[in-house]
C-alpha atoms as a PDB file:
ATOM      1  CA  MET A   1     147.985  36.727-137.477  1.00  0.00           C
ATOM      2  CA  SER A   2     150.855  36.401-134.986  1.00  0.00           C
ATOM      3  CA  LYS A   3     152.796  39.456-133.871  1.00  0.00           C
ATOM      4  CA  GLU A   4     155.958  38.066-135.466  1.00  0.00           C
ATOM      5  CA  LYS A   5     154.224  37.552-138.820  1.00  0.00           C
ATOM      6  CA  ALA A   6     152.704  41.039-138.697  1.00  0.00           C
ATOM      7  CA  LEU A   7     156.107  42.603-138.020  1.00  0.00           C
ATOM      8  CA  SER A   8     157.604  40.606-140.878  1.00  0.00           C
ATOM      9  CA  LYS A   9     154.930  41.932-143.249  1.00  0.00           C
ATOM     10  CA  GLU A  10     155.581  45.491-142.072  1.00  0.00           C
ATOM     11  CA  LYS A  11     159.290  45.048-142.765  1.00  0.00           C
ATOM     12  CA  ASP A  12     158.512  43.608-146.206  1.00  0.00           C
ATOM     13  CA  ALA A  13     156.235  46.559-146.959  1.00  0.00           C
ATOM     14  CA  VAL A  14     158.881  49.117-146.006  1.00  0.00           C
ATOM     15  CA  GLN A  15     161.503  47.390-148.157  1.00  0.00           C
ATOM     16  CA  PHE A  16     159.096  47.027-151.083  1.00  0.00           C
ATOM     17  CA  ASN A  17     158.015  50.661-150.870  1.00  0.00           C
ATOM     18  CA  ARG A  18     161.588  51.917-150.651  1.00  0.00           C
ATOM     19  CA  SER A  19     162.364  50.120-153.916  1.00  0.00           C
ATOM     20  CA  ALA A  20     159.089  51.273-155.489  1.00  0.00           C
ATOM     21  CA  TRP A  21     159.782  54.922-154.673  1.00  0.00           C
ATOM     22  CA  ASP A  22     163.350  54.562-155.945  1.00  0.00           C
ATOM     23  CA  ARG A  23     161.965  53.331-159.266  1.00  0.00           C
ATOM     24  CA  MET A  24     159.381  56.105-159.396  1.00  0.00           C
ATOM     25  CA  ALA A  25     162.021  58.730-158.633  1.00  0.00           C
ATOM     26  CA  ALA A  26     164.225  57.331-161.384  1.00  0.00           C
ATOM     27  CA  ALA A  27     161.295  57.759-163.782  1.00  0.00           C
ATOM     28  CA  GLY A  28     161.422  61.477-163.037  1.00  0.00           C
ATOM     29  CA  ASP A  29     158.500  63.724-163.951  1.00  0.00           C
ATOM     30  CA  ARG A  30     156.508  60.807-165.300  1.00  0.00           C
ATOM     31  CA  TYR A  31     155.185  60.490-161.746  1.00  0.00           C
ATOM     32  CA  TYR A  32     155.977  63.606-159.702  1.00  0.00           C
ATOM     33  CA  ARG A  33     157.235  66.859-161.135  1.00  0.00           C
ATOM     34  CA  ALA A  34     160.147  68.479-159.361  1.00  0.00           C
ATOM     35  CA  VAL A  35     159.917  72.207-158.692  1.00  0.00           C
ATOM     36  CA  THR A  36     160.969  74.391-161.616  1.00  0.00           C
ATOM     37  CA  ALA A  37     163.501  77.209-161.692  1.00  0.00           C
ATOM     38  CA  ASP A  38     160.670  79.702-162.277  1.00  0.00           C
ATOM     39  CA  GLU A  39     158.873  78.474-159.159  1.00  0.00           C
ATOM     40  CA  ILE A  40     162.017  79.035-157.116  1.00  0.00           C
ATOM     41  CA  VAL A  41     162.393  82.569-158.478  1.00  0.00           C
ATOM     42  CA  ALA A  42     158.778  83.285-157.569  1.00  0.00           C
ATOM     43  CA  ALA A  43     159.179  81.798-154.085  1.00  0.00           C
ATOM     44  CA  ARG A  44     162.225  83.965-153.404  1.00  0.00           C
ATOM     45  CA  ALA A  45     160.064  86.952-154.353  1.00  0.00           C
ATOM     46  CA  GLY A  46     157.331  85.884-151.925  1.00  0.00           C
ATOM     47  CA  ASP A  47     154.967  84.249-154.452  1.00  0.00           C
ATOM     48  CA  TRP A  48     154.629  80.604-153.460  1.00  0.00           C
ATOM     49  CA  HIS A  49     152.316  77.834-152.302  1.00  0.00           C
ATOM     50  CA  LEU A  50     152.429  74.179-151.262  1.00  0.00           C
ATOM     51  CA  ARG A  51     149.994  71.300-151.527  1.00  0.00           C
ATOM     52  CA  LEU A  52     149.603  68.445-149.062  1.00  0.00           C
ATOM     53  CA  THR A  53     146.718  66.980-151.063  1.00  0.00           C
ATOM     54  CA  PRO A  54     146.126  66.828-154.838  1.00  0.00           C
ATOM     55  CA  THR A  55     144.447  70.141-155.664  1.00  0.00           C
ATOM     56  CA  LYS A  56     144.017  72.569-152.755  1.00  0.00           C
ATOM     57  CA  ARG A  57     146.747  74.951-151.697  1.00  0.00           C
ATOM     58  CA  VAL A  58     147.665  74.999-148.033  1.00  0.00           C
ATOM     59  CA  PRO A  59     146.548  78.339-146.516  1.00  0.00           C
ATOM     60  CA  LEU A  60     149.637  80.523-146.162  1.00  0.00           C
ATOM     61  CA  ASP A  61     148.629  81.512-142.642  1.00  0.00           C
ATOM     62  CA  TRP A  62     149.230  77.891-141.631  1.00  0.00           C
ATOM     63  CA  PHE A  63     152.954  78.543-142.183  1.00  0.00           C
ATOM     64  CA  GLY A  64     153.508  81.991-140.713  1.00  0.00           C
ATOM     65  CA  ASP A  65     156.923  83.608-141.136  1.00  0.00           C
ATOM     66  CA  LEU A  66     159.367  80.876-142.158  1.00  0.00           C
ATOM     67  CA  ARG A  67     162.565  82.920-142.315  1.00  0.00           C
ATOM     68  CA  ASP A  68     165.320  81.122-140.397  1.00  0.00           C
ATOM     69  CA  LYS A  69     162.832  78.575-139.042  1.00  0.00           C
ATOM     70  CA  ASP A  70     163.893  74.935-138.773  1.00  0.00           C
ATOM     71  CA  VAL A  71     161.553  72.921-140.989  1.00  0.00           C
ATOM     72  CA  LEU A  72     161.332  69.159-141.457  1.00  0.00           C
ATOM     73  CA  CYS A  73     159.779  67.849-144.676  1.00  0.00           C
ATOM     74  CA  LEU A  74     158.657  64.441-143.424  1.00  0.00           C
ATOM     75  CA  ALA A  75     158.438  61.766-146.127  1.00  0.00           C
ATOM     76  CA  GLY A  76     158.732  64.757-148.436  1.00  0.00           C
ATOM     77  CA  GLY A  77     161.453  63.772-150.893  1.00  0.00           C
ATOM     78  CA  GLY A  78     161.071  64.428-154.599  1.00  0.00           C
ATOM     79  CA  ALA A  79     162.002  68.116-154.825  1.00  0.00           C
ATOM     80  CA  ARG A  80     158.580  69.670-154.362  1.00  0.00           C
ATOM     81  CA  GLN A  81     158.138  70.992-150.819  1.00  0.00           C
ATOM     82  CA  ALA A  82     161.711  71.269-149.561  1.00  0.00           C
ATOM     83  CA  PRO A  83     163.109  73.553-152.320  1.00  0.00           C
ATOM     84  CA  ILE A  84     160.139  75.937-152.058  1.00  0.00           C
ATOM     85  CA  LEU A  85     160.466  76.195-148.277  1.00  0.00           C
ATOM     86  CA  ALA A  86     164.215  76.740-148.556  1.00  0.00           C
ATOM     87  CA  ALA A  87     163.665  79.433-151.175  1.00  0.00           C
ATOM     88  CA  VAL A  88     161.425  81.417-148.803  1.00  0.00           C
ATOM     89  CA  GLY A  89     164.126  81.383-146.133  1.00  0.00           C
ATOM     90  CA  ALA A  90     163.549  78.301-143.981  1.00  0.00           C
ATOM     91  CA  LYS A  91     166.344  76.006-142.824  1.00  0.00           C
ATOM     92  CA  VAL A  92     165.093  72.800-144.362  1.00  0.00           C
ATOM     93  CA  THR A  93     165.722  69.137-143.668  1.00  0.00           C
ATOM     94  CA  VAL A  94     163.981  66.617-145.915  1.00  0.00           C
ATOM     95  CA  PHE A  95     163.518  63.078-144.580  1.00  0.00           C
ATOM     96  CA  ASP A  96     162.411  60.280-146.901  1.00  0.00           C
ATOM     97  CA  LEU A  97     162.489  56.503-147.245  1.00  0.00           C
ATOM     98  CA  SER A  98     163.922  56.696-150.767  1.00  0.00           C
ATOM     99  CA  GLU A  99     167.482  57.837-151.430  1.00  0.00           C
ATOM    100  CA  LYS A 100     166.607  58.418-155.066  1.00  0.00           C
ATOM    101  CA  GLN A 101     163.767  60.727-154.056  1.00  0.00           C
ATOM    102  CA  LEU A 102     166.284  62.591-151.923  1.00  0.00           C
ATOM    103  CA  ASP A 103     168.646  62.734-154.900  1.00  0.00           C
ATOM    104  CA  ARG A 104     166.046  64.848-156.693  1.00  0.00           C
ATOM    105  CA  ASP A 105     166.126  67.313-153.788  1.00  0.00           C
ATOM    106  CA  ARG A 106     169.923  67.343-153.872  1.00  0.00           C
ATOM    107  CA  GLU A 107     169.900  68.035-157.618  1.00  0.00           C
ATOM    108  CA  VAL A 108     167.469  70.952-157.299  1.00  0.00           C
ATOM    109  CA  ALA A 109     169.331  72.321-154.274  1.00  0.00           C
ATOM    110  CA  GLN A 110     172.571  72.338-156.252  1.00  0.00           C
ATOM    111  CA  ARG A 111     170.885  73.824-159.321  1.00  0.00           C
ATOM    112  CA  GLU A 112     169.220  76.619-157.361  1.00  0.00           C
ATOM    113  CA  GLN A 113     171.963  77.123-154.750  1.00  0.00           C
ATOM    114  CA  LEU A 114     169.692  76.162-151.869  1.00  0.00           C
ATOM    115  CA  GLU A 115     170.751  74.686-148.550  1.00  0.00           C
ATOM    116  CA  ILE A 116     168.738  71.508-147.954  1.00  0.00           C
ATOM    117  CA  LYS A 117     169.801  68.718-145.635  1.00  0.00           C
ATOM    118  CA  CYS A 118     168.718  65.269-146.864  1.00  0.00           C
ATOM    119  CA  VAL A 119     168.288  62.310-144.496  1.00  0.00           C
ATOM    120  CA  ALA A 120     167.027  58.813-145.373  1.00  0.00           C
ATOM    121  CA  GLY A 121     164.817  56.763-143.082  1.00  0.00           C
ATOM    122  CA  ASP A 122     161.412  55.426-142.058  1.00  0.00           C
ATOM    123  CA  MET A 123     159.065  58.251-141.032  1.00  0.00           C
ATOM    124  CA  ARG A 124     158.078  56.302-137.916  1.00  0.00           C
ATOM    125  CA  ASP A 125     161.624  56.559-136.552  1.00  0.00           C
ATOM    126  CA  LEU A 126     163.102  60.044-136.251  1.00  0.00           C
ATOM    127  CA  SER A 127     165.765  59.037-133.744  1.00  0.00           C
ATOM    128  CA  VAL A 128     168.441  60.756-135.855  1.00  0.00           C
ATOM    129  CA  PHE A 129     166.939  64.055-134.664  1.00  0.00           C
ATOM    130  CA  ALA A 130     167.194  65.434-131.145  1.00  0.00           C
ATOM    131  CA  ASP A 131     164.162  66.429-129.105  1.00  0.00           C
ATOM    132  CA  GLU A 132     162.697  69.841-130.007  1.00  0.00           C
ATOM    133  CA  SER A 133     164.726  70.248-133.212  1.00  0.00           C
ATOM    134  CA  PHE A 134     162.086  71.819-135.477  1.00  0.00           C
ATOM    135  CA  ASP A 135     159.653  74.716-135.586  1.00  0.00           C
ATOM    136  CA  LEU A 136     157.546  73.124-138.309  1.00  0.00           C
ATOM    137  CA  VAL A 137     157.010  69.614-139.680  1.00  0.00           C
ATOM    138  CA  VAL A 138     155.372  69.338-143.110  1.00  0.00           C
ATOM    139  CA  SER A 139     154.239  65.983-144.474  1.00  0.00           C
ATOM    140  CA  PRO A 140     152.314  65.316-147.706  1.00  0.00           C
ATOM    141  CA  CYS A 141     150.035  62.285-148.152  1.00  0.00           C
ATOM    142  CA  ALA A 142     152.540  59.619-147.161  1.00  0.00           C
ATOM    143  CA  THR A 143     150.852  57.714-144.327  1.00  0.00           C
ATOM    144  CA  CYS A 144     149.031  55.573-146.907  1.00  0.00           C
ATOM    145  CA  PHE A 145     152.391  53.922-147.614  1.00  0.00           C
ATOM    146  CA  CYS A 146     153.119  53.315-143.937  1.00  0.00           C
ATOM    147  CA  PRO A 147     151.881  50.226-142.034  1.00  0.00           C
ATOM    148  CA  SER A 148     151.196  52.215-138.843  1.00  0.00           C
ATOM    149  CA  VAL A 149     150.842  55.875-137.925  1.00  0.00           C
ATOM    150  CA  GLN A 150     150.890  56.352-134.159  1.00  0.00           C
ATOM    151  CA  GLU A 151     154.686  56.320-134.056  1.00  0.00           C
ATOM    152  CA  ILE A 152     154.673  59.135-136.634  1.00  0.00           C
ATOM    153  CA  TRP A 153     152.575  61.393-134.433  1.00  0.00           C
ATOM    154  CA  GLU A 154     154.627  60.594-131.325  1.00  0.00           C
ATOM    155  CA  GLU A 155     157.951  61.153-133.056  1.00  0.00           C
ATOM    156  CA  THR A 156     156.674  64.370-134.625  1.00  0.00           C
ATOM    157  CA  PHE A 157     155.580  65.626-131.206  1.00  0.00           C
ATOM    158  CA  ARG A 158     159.019  64.806-129.807  1.00  0.00           C
ATOM    159  CA  VAL A 159     161.037  66.651-132.472  1.00  0.00           C
ATOM    160  CA  LEU A 160     158.793  69.740-132.461  1.00  0.00           C
ATOM    161  CA  ARG A 161     159.643  72.695-130.278  1.00  0.00           C
ATOM    162  CA  PRO A 162     156.926  73.990-127.932  1.00  0.00           C
ATOM    163  CA  GLY A 163     154.509  76.000-130.055  1.00  0.00           C
ATOM    164  CA  GLY A 164     155.745  74.238-133.188  1.00  0.00           C
ATOM    165  CA  LYS A 165     153.336  73.235-135.948  1.00  0.00           C
ATOM    166  CA  PHE A 166     152.684  69.994-137.816  1.00  0.00           C
ATOM    167  CA  MET A 167     150.718  69.826-141.044  1.00  0.00           C
ATOM    168  CA  THR A 168     149.934  66.658-142.943  1.00  0.00           C
ATOM    169  CA  GLY A 169     147.652  65.317-145.660  1.00  0.00           C
ATOM    170  CA  PHE A 170     145.974  61.933-145.624  1.00  0.00           C
ATOM    171  CA  ILE A 171     143.513  59.816-147.583  1.00  0.00           C
ATOM    172  CA  ASN A 172     139.992  59.503-146.244  1.00  0.00           C
ATOM    173  CA  PRO A 173     139.618  55.851-145.191  1.00  0.00           C
ATOM    174  CA  VAL A 174     136.355  55.610-147.145  1.00  0.00           C
ATOM    175  CA  TYR A 175     138.527  55.452-150.271  1.00  0.00           C
ATOM    176  CA  TYR A 176     139.775  52.014-149.275  1.00  0.00           C
ATOM    177  CA  LEU A 177     136.320  50.502-148.775  1.00  0.00           C
ATOM    178  CA  PHE A 178     135.882  49.847-152.474  1.00  0.00           C
ATOM    179  CA  ASP A 179     137.163  47.206-154.863  1.00  0.00           C
ATOM    180  CA  ALA A 180     140.065  49.004-156.590  1.00  0.00           C
ATOM    181  CA  ALA A 181     139.697  47.325-160.001  1.00  0.00           C
ATOM    182  CA  LYS A 182     135.982  48.143-160.173  1.00  0.00           C
ATOM    183  CA  MET A 183     136.556  51.685-158.919  1.00  0.00           C
ATOM    184  CA  ASP A 184     138.891  52.236-161.883  1.00  0.00           C
ATOM    185  CA  ARG A 185     135.758  51.618-163.990  1.00  0.00           C
ATOM    186  CA  ASP A 186     133.732  54.049-161.844  1.00  0.00           C
ATOM    187  CA  GLU A 187     131.924  51.148-160.149  1.00  0.00           C
ATOM    188  CA  PHE A 188     131.695  51.434-156.371  1.00  0.00           C
ATOM    189  CA  ALA A 189     131.530  47.983-154.822  1.00  0.00           C
ATOM    190  CA  VAL A 190     132.201  47.924-151.066  1.00  0.00           C
ATOM    191  CA  ARG A 191     134.663  45.124-150.404  1.00  0.00           C
ATOM    192  CA  HIS A 192     137.215  45.958-147.705  1.00  0.00           C
ATOM    193  CA  LYS A 193     137.259  46.764-144.019  1.00  0.00           C
ATOM    194  CA  ILE A 194     139.053  49.702-142.426  1.00  0.00           C
ATOM    195  CA  PRO A 195     141.888  49.752-141.415  1.00  0.00           C
ATOM    196  CA  TYR A 196     142.913  48.403-144.828  1.00  0.00           C
ATOM    197  CA  SER A 197     146.100  46.814-146.145  1.00  0.00           C
ATOM    198  CA  ASP A 198     147.099  45.701-149.646  1.00  0.00           C
ATOM    199  CA  PHE A 199     148.409  42.625-147.862  1.00  0.00           C
ATOM    200  CA  ASP A 200     144.770  41.625-147.277  1.00  0.00           C
ATOM    201  CA  LEU A 201     144.409  40.965-151.006  1.00  0.00           C
ATOM    202  CA  PRO A 202     145.161  37.527-152.481  1.00  0.00           C
ATOM    203  CA  GLU A 203     148.799  37.519-153.573  1.00  0.00           C
ATOM    204  CA  GLU A 204     148.026  37.097-157.284  1.00  0.00           C
ATOM    205  CA  GLU A 205     145.537  39.968-157.239  1.00  0.00           C
ATOM    206  CA  ARG A 206     147.918  42.174-155.278  1.00  0.00           C
ATOM    207  CA  GLU A 207     150.720  41.605-157.769  1.00  0.00           C
ATOM    208  CA  ARG A 208     148.363  42.294-160.681  1.00  0.00           C
ATOM    209  CA  LEU A 209     147.087  45.546-159.163  1.00  0.00           C
ATOM    210  CA  LEU A 210     150.414  46.844-157.898  1.00  0.00           C
ATOM    211  CA  GLY A 211     152.590  45.763-160.789  1.00  0.00           C
ATOM    212  CA  PRO A 212     156.344  46.343-160.558  1.00  0.00           C
ATOM    213  CA  GLU A 213     156.192  49.977-159.451  1.00  0.00           C
ATOM    214  CA  ARG A 214     153.213  50.974-157.281  1.00  0.00           C
ATOM    215  CA  PRO A 215     153.959  51.033-153.540  1.00  0.00           C
ATOM    216  CA  ILE A 216     151.941  48.956-151.087  1.00  0.00           C
ATOM    217  CA  GLU A 217     149.175  51.033-149.500  1.00  0.00           C
ATOM    218  CA  PHE A 218     147.461  51.050-146.112  1.00  0.00           C
ATOM    219  CA  GLY A 219     144.160  52.712-145.247  1.00  0.00           C
ATOM    220  CA  HIS A 220     144.105  53.955-141.659  1.00  0.00           C
ATOM    221  CA  SER A 221     141.029  54.928-139.672  1.00  0.00           C
ATOM    222  CA  LEU A 222     139.981  58.467-138.780  1.00  0.00           C
ATOM    223  CA  GLU A 223     140.562  57.576-135.143  1.00  0.00           C
ATOM    224  CA  GLN A 224     144.142  56.653-136.000  1.00  0.00           C
ATOM    225  CA  PHE A 225     144.628  59.875-137.974  1.00  0.00           C
ATOM    226  CA  ILE A 226     142.943  62.409-135.727  1.00  0.00           C
ATOM    227  CA  GLY A 227     142.590  60.677-132.371  1.00  0.00           C
ATOM    228  CA  GLY A 228     146.170  59.474-132.679  1.00  0.00           C
ATOM    229  CA  GLN A 229     147.527  62.998-133.067  1.00  0.00           C
ATOM    230  CA  CYS A 230     145.578  64.118-130.015  1.00  0.00           C
ATOM    231  CA  GLU A 231     146.793  61.098-128.056  1.00  0.00           C
ATOM    232  CA  ALA A 232     150.378  62.022-128.940  1.00  0.00           C
ATOM    233  CA  GLY A 233     149.816  65.460-127.360  1.00  0.00           C
ATOM    234  CA  LEU A 234     149.223  67.530-130.488  1.00  0.00           C
ATOM    235  CA  GLN A 235     146.368  70.029-130.601  1.00  0.00           C
ATOM    236  CA  LEU A 236     144.413  70.256-133.872  1.00  0.00           C
ATOM    237  CA  VAL A 237     143.955  73.856-134.984  1.00  0.00           C
ATOM    238  CA  GLY A 238     143.206  73.588-138.729  1.00  0.00           C
ATOM    239  CA  PHE A 239     141.509  71.263-141.207  1.00  0.00           C
ATOM    240  CA  PHE A 240     140.404  71.100-144.851  1.00  0.00           C
ATOM    241  CA  GLU A 241     139.211  68.471-147.333  1.00  0.00           C
ATOM    242  CA  ASP A 242     140.139  67.839-150.967  1.00  0.00           C
ATOM    243  CA  GLY A 243     139.601  65.439-153.877  1.00  0.00           C
ATOM    244  CA  TRP A 244     141.565  63.958-156.735  1.00  0.00           C
ATOM    245  CA  GLY A 245     140.285  66.555-159.160  1.00  0.00           C
ATOM    246  CA  GLY A 246     139.760  65.894-162.839  1.00  0.00           C
ATOM    247  CA  GLY A 247     137.104  63.323-163.642  1.00  0.00           C
ATOM    248  CA  ASP A 248     137.469  61.202-160.506  1.00  0.00           C
ATOM    249  CA  GLN A 249     133.950  60.009-159.771  1.00  0.00           C
ATOM    250  CA  LEU A 250     134.375  59.234-156.084  1.00  0.00           C
ATOM    251  CA  SER A 251     135.722  62.743-155.468  1.00  0.00           C
ATOM    252  CA  LYS A 252     132.455  64.073-156.907  1.00  0.00           C
ATOM    253  CA  LEU A 253     130.588  62.222-154.153  1.00  0.00           C
ATOM    254  CA  ILE A 254     132.849  62.739-151.141  1.00  0.00           C
ATOM    255  CA  SER A 255     136.173  64.369-150.326  1.00  0.00           C
ATOM    256  CA  VAL A 256     138.754  61.599-150.432  1.00  0.00           C
ATOM    257  CA  PHE A 257     141.614  63.641-148.981  1.00  0.00           C
ATOM    258  CA  ALA A 258     141.999  65.774-145.878  1.00  0.00           C
ATOM    259  CA  ALA A 259     144.717  67.872-144.261  1.00  0.00           C
ATOM    260  CA  THR A 260     145.219  68.781-140.628  1.00  0.00           C
ATOM    261  CA  LEU A 261     147.207  71.474-138.879  1.00  0.00           C
ATOM    262  CA  ALA A 262     148.303  70.656-135.341  1.00  0.00           C
ATOM    263  CA  GLN A 263     150.381  72.452-132.751  1.00  0.00           C
ATOM    264  CA  LYS A 264     152.559  71.329-129.880  1.00  0.00           C
ATOM    265  CA  PRO A 265     151.442  73.134-126.705  1.00  0.00           C
ATOM    266  CA  LEU A 266     153.763  75.776-125.241  1.00  0.00           C
END
């Protein structure tokens, strides 16, 4: 594939995913539940947690004292992470591809009288932020919707202050090895190579699997996830694995999610 064609596909993916997330946000709690008023009350009283992956809570010692800290919720729209972090005293900016996802944060911020700055954009381009703007960057599992990840790590490194932390969740690339339709039937047939892209599927199959709402996904390698952060200058200081939970059969065999904590050197 030529470089021009690859860039065109990346642009198409970003546009498609922006529209997909707008539709999912408009569907409200059918897909992702916004934080409740009771959760905000609890967070203000010091009782809170966040997830970067489906089931495990992020260890609270990963965060430290967040009062008056500048925090970026990267690709974190949807009124889950940002309102909680604002309620515990952080100065929060949430950055997301979807304006409608950001609208959910704006609605909760107004409802709960929280100060949250909302900015729209591609997580690979944080040029709207100056160097060393944040003490902490928090990103849930969003890289699977992004065609490339190295720019994310480099931009995150740039906007972090020395000693600042970056935590993110991601999908284990082994998840993308298997035929998706068969995996839905708990059949594990290895079909794809890693790195993976939904664009590798025949167009008819891709449209059937994705339907009108599901975003296009990309499966990146462990070298891209972990080696890429190190290459960008970040130092890994924490790690855990997770699964889908429930009756997911692959999660019973191997952890299909992971989360890393990295730090920018002083």
